[in-house]
């Protein structure tokens, strides 16, 4: 396929742009996908845009890892996919994505999944962040009937609320600064809403849990320096705190009085470290989590349509990132449209 494509690029702190690139010709065991839509991962991509993560190695940066498109061309030896099939990929925000189906590349950027009828392309883009939330719930070792508080109900937080309910948590509490996101969390299944900055967060969580404290607390705000100490004060003895968001700053705690004497556990959660190859002790690979998420979407056990607040053409991506950077209320799930 001759011609050129378009993709999003971060050229410097706060500077998002669209650039043109030459379309590649699929080689042996390669597939070219024409993108239909992609989902912005607001927290992580905003940190990338501003160069805030400790892993930042300079610009340019090509963001994105949740895209859906149609197979446009297949290279020699490809039998798994056919032209015209709709697939989920971990491709960047780009009009075209080249996948390598070689046997030594079973996941990561070359991950793909055929999307079943009944799941829209926009819905399917949520499966990548759905895997992030699912890995976090698995890391928490959540038990039936345990109380859960989700701090920060952006897209990942909203999915944590739904998955915690599916895993048997009770009650499930949403905590956020923004009233609009708390109302979305109610639609996602949260049984209690706590508005940080307005409510006494610790007092409310203790009241909801009859003075015991919350058993499992998820940090999904990307602002851990303020939330983690708060979570520790609201936690039950022996509680688990799971850090899901990409935290760019250091967090200060009192390890003796806040951690040791209450026997709390702080668990790091980084979905890319979930296995790609299954093991009988832990079969929950990244691919399996995404496939399960898509199945639950198809069955109606999960819903994400209410989380889409913006649909914008890819040409307006720079303006969309400015909206995220300003932090104004009203946005949660932002879809870039490529076709």
Protein backbone atom coordinates (compact mmCIF):
# COMPACT_ATOMS: atom_id res chain seq x y z
CA UNK A 1 0.00 0.00 0.00
CA UNK A 2 1.78 3.10 -1.22
CA UNK A 3 1.15 6.50 0.27
CA UNK A 4 1.44 8.17 3.63
CA UNK A 5 -0.25 8.03 7.01
CA UNK A 6 -0.71 10.40 9.94
CA UNK A 7 0.14 9.97 13.63
CA UNK A 8 0.24 11.90 16.89
CA UNK A 9 3.63 13.01 18.18
CA UNK A 10 4.75 14.89 21.29
CA UNK A 11 7.54 17.21 20.17
CA UNK A 12 8.23 18.87 23.52
CA UNK A 13 6.65 19.57 26.92
CA UNK A 14 3.00 20.37 26.27
CA UNK A 15 3.47 20.34 22.48
CA UNK A 16 1.34 17.72 20.68
CA UNK A 17 1.23 17.66 16.89
CA UNK A 18 0.28 15.54 13.89
CA UNK A 19 3.01 14.29 11.56
CA UNK A 20 3.02 12.43 8.27
CA UNK A 21 4.89 9.17 7.70
CA UNK A 22 5.44 6.79 4.80
CA UNK A 23 3.18 3.76 4.93
CA UNK A 24 5.14 0.54 5.35
CA UNK A 25 4.69 -2.46 3.11
CA UNK A 26 3.91 -5.58 5.18
CA UNK A 27 6.74 -8.10 5.06
CA UNK A 28 6.54 -11.83 5.86
CA UNK A 29 4.31 -12.49 8.88
CA UNK A 30 3.33 -8.80 9.07
CA UNK A 31 -0.10 -7.15 8.94
CA UNK A 32 -1.03 -3.54 8.16
CA UNK A 33 -4.09 -2.29 10.05
CA UNK A 34 -6.02 0.84 9.03
CA UNK A 35 -7.13 2.54 12.26
CA UNK A 36 -10.74 3.41 12.97
CA UNK A 37 -10.44 4.87 16.49
CA UNK A 38 -8.09 5.00 19.47
CA UNK A 39 -8.55 5.81 23.16
CA UNK A 40 -6.40 8.39 24.94
CA UNK A 41 -5.00 7.10 28.24
CA UNK A 42 -5.39 10.45 29.97
CA UNK A 43 -3.13 10.07 33.00
CA UNK A 44 -0.17 8.27 31.47
CA UNK A 45 -0.23 10.22 28.22
CA UNK A 46 -0.46 13.55 30.03
CA UNK A 47 2.64 12.67 32.03
CA UNK A 48 4.37 11.67 28.78
CA UNK A 49 3.33 14.95 27.16
CA UNK A 50 4.79 16.94 30.03
CA UNK A 51 7.89 14.75 30.39
CA UNK A 52 7.08 14.03 34.03
CA UNK A 53 7.73 10.31 34.36
CA UNK A 54 11.07 9.13 35.74
CA UNK A 55 11.49 6.96 32.63
CA UNK A 56 11.31 9.97 30.30
CA UNK A 57 14.24 9.95 27.87
CA UNK A 58 13.42 12.99 25.79
CA UNK A 59 11.26 13.96 22.84
CA UNK A 60 9.81 13.13 20.38
CA UNK A 61 7.36 10.71 22.01
CA UNK A 62 4.75 8.72 20.09
CA UNK A 63 1.80 8.11 22.46
CA UNK A 64 -1.06 5.65 22.45
CA UNK A 65 -1.59 1.95 23.05
CA UNK A 66 -5.32 1.28 22.56
CA UNK A 67 -6.49 1.28 18.95
CA UNK A 68 -9.06 -0.52 16.82
CA UNK A 69 -8.91 -0.85 13.07
CA UNK A 70 -9.45 -3.04 10.04
CA UNK A 71 -6.86 -5.31 8.45
CA UNK A 72 -5.83 -3.60 5.21
CA UNK A 73 -2.97 -5.82 3.99
CA UNK A 74 -1.34 -9.07 5.06
CA UNK A 75 2.19 -10.20 4.32
CA UNK A 76 3.43 -13.59 3.20
CA UNK A 77 2.72 -16.45 5.59
CA UNK A 78 -0.09 -14.75 7.54
CA UNK A 79 -3.02 -17.08 8.10
CA UNK A 80 -4.37 -15.85 11.45
CA UNK A 81 -5.88 -12.64 10.03
CA UNK A 82 -7.68 -11.74 6.82
CA UNK A 83 -8.23 -8.44 5.04
CA UNK A 84 -11.37 -6.75 6.39
CA UNK A 85 -11.27 -8.22 9.90
CA UNK A 86 -11.71 -5.79 12.78
CA UNK A 87 -8.97 -6.02 15.41
CA UNK A 88 -7.89 -4.48 18.70
CA UNK A 89 -4.20 -3.57 18.85
CA UNK A 90 -1.76 -1.84 21.16
CA UNK A 91 -0.81 0.50 18.34
CA UNK A 92 -0.03 4.16 18.82
CA UNK A 93 -2.37 7.00 17.85
CA UNK A 94 -1.82 6.53 14.14
CA UNK A 95 -3.84 6.12 10.95
CA UNK A 96 -2.05 2.82 10.21
CA UNK A 97 -0.41 0.24 12.46
CA UNK A 98 2.05 -2.45 11.37
CA UNK A 99 1.82 -5.69 13.36
CA UNK A 100 4.47 -8.40 13.45
CA UNK A 101 2.96 -11.86 13.97
CA UNK A 102 6.30 -13.67 14.30
CA UNK A 103 6.18 -16.43 16.89
CA UNK A 104 8.76 -14.69 19.06
CA UNK A 105 6.45 -11.67 19.43
CA UNK A 106 3.31 -13.01 21.15
CA UNK A 107 2.29 -9.79 22.90
CA UNK A 108 3.24 -6.26 23.78
CA UNK A 109 3.10 -3.76 20.87
CA UNK A 110 2.31 -6.61 18.47
CA UNK A 111 -0.71 -7.78 20.41
CA UNK A 112 -3.94 -8.18 18.45
CA UNK A 113 -7.39 -9.55 19.09
CA UNK A 114 -10.27 -10.05 16.66
CA UNK A 115 -13.34 -8.15 17.88
CA UNK A 116 -16.57 -10.12 18.01
CA UNK A 117 -19.86 -8.79 16.64
CA UNK A 118 -21.85 -6.95 19.27
CA UNK A 119 -18.87 -4.99 20.60
CA UNK A 120 -18.41 -1.59 18.96
CA UNK A 121 -14.98 -0.40 17.89
CA UNK A 122 -15.11 2.44 20.44
CA UNK A 123 -16.01 0.04 23.25
CA UNK A 124 -13.23 -2.35 22.26
CA UNK A 125 -10.55 0.34 22.71
CA UNK A 126 -11.21 0.18 26.47
CA UNK A 127 -9.95 -3.41 26.71
CA UNK A 128 -6.31 -2.31 27.04
CA UNK A 129 -7.02 -0.12 30.08
CA UNK A 130 -9.46 -2.83 31.14
CA UNK A 131 -6.49 -5.19 31.37
CA UNK A 132 -4.72 -2.61 33.56
CA UNK A 133 -7.68 -2.55 35.95
CA UNK A 134 -8.09 -6.33 35.86
CA UNK A 135 -4.42 -6.90 36.68
CA UNK A 136 -4.80 -4.51 39.64
CA UNK A 137 -7.80 -6.42 40.99
CA UNK A 138 -5.87 -9.68 40.66
CA UNK A 139 -2.85 -8.12 42.45
CA UNK A 140 -5.12 -7.05 45.30
CA UNK A 141 -6.25 -10.65 45.97
CA UNK A 142 -9.72 -9.25 46.56
CA UNK A 143 -12.01 -11.54 48.55
CA UNK A 144 -15.80 -11.81 48.48
CA UNK A 145 -17.41 -9.20 50.72
CA UNK A 146 -14.31 -7.04 51.23
CA UNK A 147 -14.78 -3.27 51.14
CA UNK A 148 -13.08 -1.36 48.31
CA UNK A 149 -12.31 2.33 47.81
CA UNK A 150 -11.15 3.58 44.42
CA UNK A 151 -9.29 6.88 44.64
CA UNK A 152 -9.54 8.60 41.28
CA UNK A 153 -12.32 7.53 38.93
CA UNK A 154 -10.98 8.40 35.52
CA UNK A 155 -11.25 5.62 32.97
CA UNK A 156 -9.12 3.11 34.89
CA UNK A 157 -10.85 3.99 38.16
CA UNK A 158 -14.28 3.52 36.59
CA UNK A 159 -13.22 0.09 35.34
CA UNK A 160 -11.84 -0.76 38.79
CA UNK A 161 -15.25 0.04 40.26
CA UNK A 162 -16.98 -2.33 37.84
CA UNK A 163 -14.46 -5.14 38.19
CA UNK A 164 -14.43 -4.89 41.98
CA UNK A 165 -18.21 -5.32 41.97
CA UNK A 166 -17.88 -8.32 39.64
CA UNK A 167 -15.25 -9.79 41.99
CA UNK A 168 -17.66 -9.59 44.93
CA UNK A 169 -16.49 -6.44 46.74
CA UNK A 170 -18.98 -4.81 49.09
CA UNK A 171 -19.27 -1.92 49.47
CA UNK A 172 -17.47 -0.26 46.57
CA UNK A 173 -16.69 3.41 47.23
CA UNK A 174 -15.58 6.00 44.65
CA UNK A 175 -13.41 8.94 45.76
CA UNK A 176 -12.65 11.85 43.44
CA UNK A 177 -12.36 15.62 43.37
CA UNK A 178 -14.78 15.90 40.47
CA UNK A 179 -18.53 15.63 40.86
CA UNK A 180 -19.03 14.67 37.19
CA UNK A 181 -16.76 11.65 37.50
CA UNK A 182 -18.43 10.59 40.74
CA UNK A 183 -21.77 10.56 38.95
CA UNK A 184 -20.23 8.37 36.23
CA UNK A 185 -18.92 6.11 39.02
CA UNK A 186 -22.46 5.72 40.33
CA UNK A 187 -23.46 4.52 36.87
CA UNK A 188 -20.44 2.19 36.93
CA UNK A 189 -21.78 0.60 40.11
CA UNK A 190 -20.22 2.51 43.03
CA UNK A 191 -22.44 2.24 46.08
CA UNK A 192 -20.99 5.27 47.86
CA UNK A 193 -19.49 8.51 46.53
CA UNK A 194 -17.01 10.70 48.41
CA UNK A 195 -15.96 14.05 46.97
CA UNK A 196 -12.42 14.91 48.02
CA UNK A 197 -11.86 18.58 48.74
CA UNK A 198 -15.45 18.88 49.91
CA UNK A 199 -16.10 15.87 52.14
CA UNK A 200 -14.08 14.56 55.07
CA UNK A 201 -12.67 11.63 53.11
CA UNK A 202 -11.26 9.62 56.03
CA UNK A 203 -14.31 10.29 58.18
CA UNK A 204 -16.69 9.22 55.44
CA UNK A 205 -14.80 6.02 54.68
CA UNK A 206 -14.66 5.07 58.36
CA UNK A 207 -18.38 5.78 58.71
CA UNK A 208 -19.25 3.69 55.64
CA UNK A 209 -17.20 0.77 56.99
CA UNK A 210 -18.58 1.05 60.55
CA UNK A 211 -15.28 2.34 61.91
CA UNK A 212 -13.24 -0.60 60.61
CA UNK A 213 -11.65 1.10 57.62
CA UNK A 214 -11.42 -0.05 54.00
CA UNK A 215 -9.91 -3.45 53.26
CA UNK A 216 -8.67 -2.79 49.69
CA UNK A 217 -7.80 0.68 48.39
CA UNK A 218 -6.83 1.45 44.79
CA UNK A 219 -4.76 4.54 43.92
CA UNK A 220 -5.70 5.64 40.39
CA UNK A 221 -5.31 9.42 40.63
CA UNK A 222 -1.72 9.95 39.43
CA UNK A 223 -1.36 12.26 42.47
CA UNK A 224 -0.03 9.78 45.01
CA UNK A 225 1.79 12.34 47.16
CA UNK A 226 -1.61 13.51 48.43
CA UNK A 227 -3.74 10.39 48.20
CA UNK A 228 -1.53 7.61 49.59
CA UNK A 229 -1.18 9.14 53.10
CA UNK A 230 -4.94 9.73 53.04
CA UNK A 231 -5.59 6.14 51.99
CA UNK A 232 -3.41 4.83 54.81
CA UNK A 233 -5.44 6.73 57.40
CA UNK A 234 -8.68 5.33 55.96
CA UNK A 235 -7.40 1.76 55.71
CA UNK A 236 -8.39 -1.11 57.96
CA UNK A 237 -5.69 -2.95 59.92
CA UNK A 238 -4.04 -5.37 57.48
CA UNK A 239 -5.46 -3.58 54.43
CA UNK A 240 -3.91 -3.64 50.97
CA UNK A 241 -3.16 -0.41 49.08
CA UNK A 242 -2.71 -0.97 45.35
CA UNK A 243 -0.90 1.70 43.32
CA UNK A 244 -2.33 1.61 39.80
CA UNK A 245 -1.69 5.11 38.46
CA UNK A 246 1.63 6.29 37.03
CA UNK A 247 2.93 8.42 39.91
CA UNK A 248 5.46 11.09 38.86
CA UNK A 249 6.35 12.39 42.34
CA UNK A 250 7.74 11.02 45.59
CA UNK A 251 5.42 10.15 48.48
CA UNK A 252 6.29 10.75 52.12
CA UNK A 253 4.88 8.42 54.78
CA UNK A 254 5.63 7.48 58.37
CA UNK A 255 6.66 3.81 57.98
CA UNK A 256 6.35 2.98 61.68
CA UNK A 257 3.02 4.46 62.76
CA UNK A 258 1.25 4.41 59.40
CA UNK A 259 2.59 1.18 57.89
CA UNK A 260 4.17 -1.14 60.44
CA UNK A 261 1.87 -0.69 63.41
CA UNK A 262 -1.19 -1.21 61.22
CA UNK A 263 0.36 -4.03 59.17
CA UNK A 264 -0.62 -2.44 55.87
CA UNK A 265 0.62 -3.69 52.51
CA UNK A 266 1.41 -1.33 49.64
CA UNK A 267 1.38 -3.16 46.32
CA UNK A 268 2.85 -1.80 43.12
CA UNK A 269 0.87 -2.61 40.00
CA UNK A 270 2.37 -2.33 36.50
CA UNK A 271 0.30 -4.16 33.92
CA UNK A 272 3.14 -4.59 31.36
CA UNK A 273 4.75 -6.96 33.90
CA UNK A 274 1.73 -9.27 33.76
CA UNK A 275 2.85 -12.41 31.92
CA UNK A 276 2.54 -12.86 28.19
CA UNK A 277 3.12 -16.62 28.36
CA UNK A 278 0.77 -18.42 30.79
CA UNK A 279 1.94 -20.58 33.69
CA UNK A 280 -0.26 -23.05 35.53
CA UNK A 281 0.40 -21.17 38.79
CA UNK A 282 -0.72 -17.89 37.18
CA UNK A 283 -2.56 -18.25 33.87
CA UNK A 284 -3.82 -14.64 33.75
CA UNK A 285 -1.82 -13.24 30.86
CA UNK A 286 -2.28 -9.78 29.42
CA UNK A 287 -3.95 -11.30 26.36
CA UNK A 288 -6.33 -13.40 28.45
CA UNK A 289 -7.35 -10.39 30.54
CA UNK A 290 -8.15 -8.37 27.42
CA UNK A 291 -10.05 -11.25 25.86
CA UNK A 292 -12.08 -11.68 29.04
CA UNK A 293 -12.79 -7.94 29.12
CA UNK A 294 -14.08 -8.07 25.54
CA UNK A 295 -16.24 -11.10 26.35
CA UNK A 296 -17.77 -9.32 29.33
CA UNK A 297 -18.49 -6.30 27.13
CA UNK A 298 -20.22 -8.58 24.65
CA UNK A 299 -22.24 -10.23 27.43
CA UNK A 300 -23.22 -6.91 29.00
CA UNK A 301 -21.46 -7.56 32.29
CA UNK A 302 -19.25 -4.51 31.72
CA UNK A 303 -20.24 -1.19 30.15
CA UNK A 304 -18.07 1.63 28.90
CA UNK A 305 -20.30 3.71 26.63
CA UNK A 306 -21.13 6.14 29.44
CA UNK A 307 -17.42 6.81 29.93
CA UNK A 308 -16.96 8.30 26.44
CA UNK A 309 -17.25 12.06 26.91
CA UNK A 310 -15.44 13.24 23.78
CA UNK A 311 -15.13 12.01 20.20
CA UNK A 312 -12.72 14.13 18.18
CA UNK A 313 -11.14 13.76 14.73
CA UNK A 314 -7.45 12.91 14.93
CA UNK A 315 -6.65 16.31 13.41
CA UNK A 316 -7.93 17.88 16.65
CA UNK A 317 -5.65 15.77 18.86
CA UNK A 318 -3.45 18.76 19.84
CA UNK A 319 -6.53 20.59 21.13
CA UNK A 320 -7.69 17.46 22.97
CA UNK A 321 -4.37 17.21 24.81
CA UNK A 322 -4.58 20.91 25.74
CA UNK A 323 -7.97 20.15 27.28
CA UNK A 324 -6.42 17.33 29.33
CA UNK A 325 -3.52 19.55 30.36
CA UNK A 326 -5.84 22.29 31.61
CA UNK A 327 -7.60 19.73 33.79
CA UNK A 328 -11.04 21.18 33.37
CA UNK A 329 -14.08 19.08 34.37
CA UNK A 330 -16.17 17.34 31.76
CA UNK A 331 -13.81 14.84 30.14
CA UNK A 332 -13.16 11.21 30.96
CA UNK A 333 -12.93 8.93 27.94
CA UNK A 334 -11.54 10.72 24.84
CA UNK A 335 -11.74 8.86 21.52
CA UNK A 336 -9.66 9.89 18.51
CA UNK A 337 -11.44 9.11 15.22
CA UNK A 338 -9.24 8.03 12.31
CA UNK A 339 -11.86 7.15 9.70
